[in-house]
């Protein structure tokens, strides 16, 4: 399994509720349209900041951690090729500009290790 994560911050001036509503009702739909047939999971993890060690509650550095799971490298590459088609790339980019501060978008593949803990 190949897991790709993206860390993304909402556009300045957009509230957290506005961001989440737009993402789930608009941007998610675009993602599903093009990930369908390639990805096996498309997960959005919206961040909720906690009080830091100094007792301050600050705006999150990132508002969502998106995960897309692919069965293998070939499928990931095929999806990347599809997403790079000019009309599709334009649609995605135009929507990203509506919701994200694109200066802070980061993408990674991840190696995952899980600890077995006593219950």
C-alpha atoms as a PDB file:
ATOM      1  CA  UNK A   1       0.000   0.000   0.000  1.00  0.00           C
ATOM      2  CA  UNK A   2       1.303   3.459  -0.943  1.00  0.00           C
ATOM      3  CA  UNK A   3       0.046   6.288   1.257  1.00  0.00           C
ATOM      4  CA  UNK A   4       0.296   9.903   0.153  1.00  0.00           C
ATOM      5  CA  UNK A   5      -0.450  12.679   2.621  1.00  0.00           C
ATOM      6  CA  UNK A   6      -0.928  16.362   1.985  1.00  0.00           C
ATOM      7  CA  UNK A   7      -0.824  19.052   4.643  1.00  0.00           C
ATOM      8  CA  UNK A   8      -2.941  22.053   3.708  1.00  0.00           C
ATOM      9  CA  UNK A   9      -3.864  25.400   5.240  1.00  0.00           C
ATOM     10  CA  UNK A  10      -7.047  27.312   4.537  1.00  0.00           C
ATOM     11  CA  UNK A  11      -6.980  30.536   2.578  1.00  0.00           C
ATOM     12  CA  UNK A  12      -6.510  33.695   4.697  1.00  0.00           C
ATOM     13  CA  UNK A  13      -9.840  35.206   5.718  1.00  0.00           C
ATOM     14  CA  UNK A  14     -11.702  31.904   5.521  1.00  0.00           C
ATOM     15  CA  UNK A  15     -13.113  30.643   8.816  1.00  0.00           C
ATOM     16  CA  UNK A  16     -12.637  27.058   9.936  1.00  0.00           C
ATOM     17  CA  UNK A  17     -16.362  26.247   9.480  1.00  0.00           C
ATOM     18  CA  UNK A  18     -16.354  27.841   5.991  1.00  0.00           C
ATOM     19  CA  UNK A  19     -13.222  25.870   5.081  1.00  0.00           C
ATOM     20  CA  UNK A  20     -14.595  22.542   6.243  1.00  0.00           C
ATOM     21  CA  UNK A  21     -17.982  23.113   4.590  1.00  0.00           C
ATOM     22  CA  UNK A  22     -16.398  24.032   1.258  1.00  0.00           C
ATOM     23  CA  UNK A  23     -13.925  21.166   1.400  1.00  0.00           C
ATOM     24  CA  UNK A  24     -16.532  18.502   2.167  1.00  0.00           C
ATOM     25  CA  UNK A  25     -19.196  19.819  -0.219  1.00  0.00           C
ATOM     26  CA  UNK A  26     -17.031  20.934  -3.154  1.00  0.00           C
ATOM     27  CA  UNK A  27     -13.340  20.059  -3.147  1.00  0.00           C
ATOM     28  CA  UNK A  28     -13.947  16.505  -1.875  1.00  0.00           C
ATOM     29  CA  UNK A  29     -16.292  15.867  -4.794  1.00  0.00           C
ATOM     30  CA  UNK A  30     -13.582  16.853  -7.288  1.00  0.00           C
ATOM     31  CA  UNK A  31     -11.118  14.591  -5.493  1.00  0.00           C
ATOM     32  CA  UNK A  32     -13.489  11.641  -5.554  1.00  0.00           C
ATOM     33  CA  UNK A  33     -14.233  12.187  -9.233  1.00  0.00           C
ATOM     34  CA  UNK A  34     -10.585  11.759 -10.225  1.00  0.00           C
ATOM     35  CA  UNK A  35      -9.328   9.398  -7.512  1.00  0.00           C
ATOM     36  CA  UNK A  36     -12.102   6.894  -8.193  1.00  0.00           C
ATOM     37  CA  UNK A  37     -10.665   3.849  -9.933  1.00  0.00           C
ATOM     38  CA  UNK A  38      -7.155   4.569  -8.635  1.00  0.00           C
ATOM     39  CA  UNK A  39      -7.223   5.162  -4.876  1.00  0.00           C
ATOM     40  CA  UNK A  40      -8.558   2.708  -2.326  1.00  0.00           C
ATOM     41  CA  UNK A  41      -9.029   5.364   0.408  1.00  0.00           C
ATOM     42  CA  UNK A  42      -9.456   9.141   0.451  1.00  0.00           C
ATOM     43  CA  UNK A  43      -9.398  10.513   3.995  1.00  0.00           C
ATOM     44  CA  UNK A  44      -9.565  14.072   5.307  1.00  0.00           C
ATOM     45  CA  UNK A  45      -8.352  14.654   8.862  1.00  0.00           C
ATOM     46  CA  UNK A  46      -9.327  18.141  10.002  1.00  0.00           C
ATOM     47  CA  UNK A  47      -7.108  19.485  12.762  1.00  0.00           C
ATOM     48  CA  UNK A  48      -8.414  20.843  16.063  1.00  0.00           C
ATOM     49  CA  UNK A  49      -5.675  22.732  17.930  1.00  0.00           C
ATOM     50  CA  UNK A  50      -4.996  21.976  21.572  1.00  0.00           C
ATOM     51  CA  UNK A  51      -3.550  24.303  24.169  1.00  0.00           C
ATOM     52  CA  UNK A  52       0.252  24.386  23.808  1.00  0.00           C
ATOM     53  CA  UNK A  53       2.804  24.003  26.619  1.00  0.00           C
ATOM     54  CA  UNK A  54       2.563  27.710  27.408  1.00  0.00           C
ATOM     55  CA  UNK A  55      -1.218  27.544  27.790  1.00  0.00           C
ATOM     56  CA  UNK A  56      -1.943  29.263  24.473  1.00  0.00           C
ATOM     57  CA  UNK A  57      -4.465  28.182  21.882  1.00  0.00           C
ATOM     58  CA  UNK A  58      -3.217  29.223  18.453  1.00  0.00           C
ATOM     59  CA  UNK A  59      -4.457  28.895  14.904  1.00  0.00           C
ATOM     60  CA  UNK A  60      -3.360  25.542  13.444  1.00  0.00           C
ATOM     61  CA  UNK A  61      -0.374  25.536  11.114  1.00  0.00           C
ATOM     62  CA  UNK A  62      -2.359  23.183   8.880  1.00  0.00           C
ATOM     63  CA  UNK A  63      -6.133  22.793   8.760  1.00  0.00           C
ATOM     64  CA  UNK A  64      -6.360  19.396   7.110  1.00  0.00           C
ATOM     65  CA  UNK A  65      -4.225  16.338   6.590  1.00  0.00           C
ATOM     66  CA  UNK A  66      -5.423  14.557   3.504  1.00  0.00           C
ATOM     67  CA  UNK A  67      -4.558  10.902   2.935  1.00  0.00           C
ATOM     68  CA  UNK A  68      -4.877   9.014  -0.308  1.00  0.00           C
ATOM     69  CA  UNK A  69      -4.063   5.302  -0.329  1.00  0.00           C
ATOM     70  CA  UNK A  70      -3.044   3.503  -3.519  1.00  0.00           C
ATOM     71  CA  UNK A  71      -2.610  -0.259  -3.913  1.00  0.00           C
ATOM     72  CA  UNK A  72       0.818   0.073  -5.584  1.00  0.00           C
ATOM     73  CA  UNK A  73       3.333   2.378  -7.301  1.00  0.00           C
ATOM     74  CA  UNK A  74       1.927   1.748 -10.778  1.00  0.00           C
ATOM     75  CA  UNK A  75      -1.527   2.901  -9.713  1.00  0.00           C
ATOM     76  CA  UNK A  76      -0.093   5.985  -8.009  1.00  0.00           C
ATOM     77  CA  UNK A  77       1.796   6.867 -11.197  1.00  0.00           C
ATOM     78  CA  UNK A  78      -1.269   6.258 -13.380  1.00  0.00           C
ATOM     79  CA  UNK A  79      -3.338   8.522 -11.141  1.00  0.00           C
ATOM     80  CA  UNK A  80      -0.633  11.201 -11.290  1.00  0.00           C
ATOM     81  CA  UNK A  81      -0.724  11.057 -15.084  1.00  0.00           C
ATOM     82  CA  UNK A  82      -4.519  11.423 -15.063  1.00  0.00           C
ATOM     83  CA  UNK A  83      -4.361  14.371 -12.653  1.00  0.00           C
ATOM     84  CA  UNK A  84      -1.761  16.032 -14.894  1.00  0.00           C
ATOM     85  CA  UNK A  85      -4.053  16.118 -17.930  1.00  0.00           C
ATOM     86  CA  UNK A  86      -4.498  19.834 -18.720  1.00  0.00           C
ATOM     87  CA  UNK A  87      -8.274  20.112 -18.222  1.00  0.00           C
ATOM     88  CA  UNK A  88      -8.192  18.105 -14.984  1.00  0.00           C
ATOM     89  CA  UNK A  89      -5.151  19.930 -13.605  1.00  0.00           C
ATOM     90  CA  UNK A  90      -6.848  23.262 -14.393  1.00  0.00           C
ATOM     91  CA  UNK A  91     -10.072  22.259 -12.610  1.00  0.00           C
ATOM     92  CA  UNK A  92      -8.179  21.110  -9.507  1.00  0.00           C
ATOM     93  CA  UNK A  93      -5.865  24.146  -9.439  1.00  0.00           C
ATOM     94  CA  UNK A  94      -8.742  26.622  -9.800  1.00  0.00           C
ATOM     95  CA  UNK A  95     -10.596  25.000  -6.906  1.00  0.00           C
ATOM     96  CA  UNK A  96      -7.461  24.875  -4.739  1.00  0.00           C
ATOM     97  CA  UNK A  97      -7.055  28.628  -5.216  1.00  0.00           C
ATOM     98  CA  UNK A  98     -10.555  29.137  -3.752  1.00  0.00           C
ATOM     99  CA  UNK A  99      -9.887  27.239  -0.526  1.00  0.00           C
ATOM    100  CA  UNK A 100      -6.162  26.800   0.227  1.00  0.00           C
ATOM    101  CA  UNK A 101      -3.202  29.017   0.977  1.00  0.00           C
ATOM    102  CA  UNK A 102      -1.200  27.137  -1.651  1.00  0.00           C
ATOM    103  CA  UNK A 103       2.120  28.469  -0.327  1.00  0.00           C
ATOM    104  CA  UNK A 104       1.757  25.989   2.539  1.00  0.00           C
ATOM    105  CA  UNK A 105       0.686  22.887   0.612  1.00  0.00           C
ATOM    106  CA  UNK A 106       3.018  19.962   1.298  1.00  0.00           C
ATOM    107  CA  UNK A 107       2.888  16.399  -0.086  1.00  0.00           C
ATOM    108  CA  UNK A 108       4.646  13.279   1.146  1.00  0.00           C
ATOM    109  CA  UNK A 109       4.594   9.555   0.825  1.00  0.00           C
ATOM    110  CA  UNK A 110       4.804   7.933   4.235  1.00  0.00           C
ATOM    111  CA  UNK A 111       6.392   4.849   5.739  1.00  0.00           C
ATOM    112  CA  UNK A 112       4.154   3.676   8.520  1.00  0.00           C
ATOM    113  CA  UNK A 113       5.158   1.855  11.692  1.00  0.00           C
ATOM    114  CA  UNK A 114       2.650   0.789  14.277  1.00  0.00           C
ATOM    115  CA  UNK A 115       3.361  -0.138  17.875  1.00  0.00           C
ATOM    116  CA  UNK A 116       1.512  -2.950  19.597  1.00  0.00           C
ATOM    117  CA  UNK A 117       0.356  -1.624  22.963  1.00  0.00           C
ATOM    118  CA  UNK A 118      -0.972  -3.534  25.918  1.00  0.00           C
ATOM    119  CA  UNK A 119      -4.708  -3.248  26.380  1.00  0.00           C
END
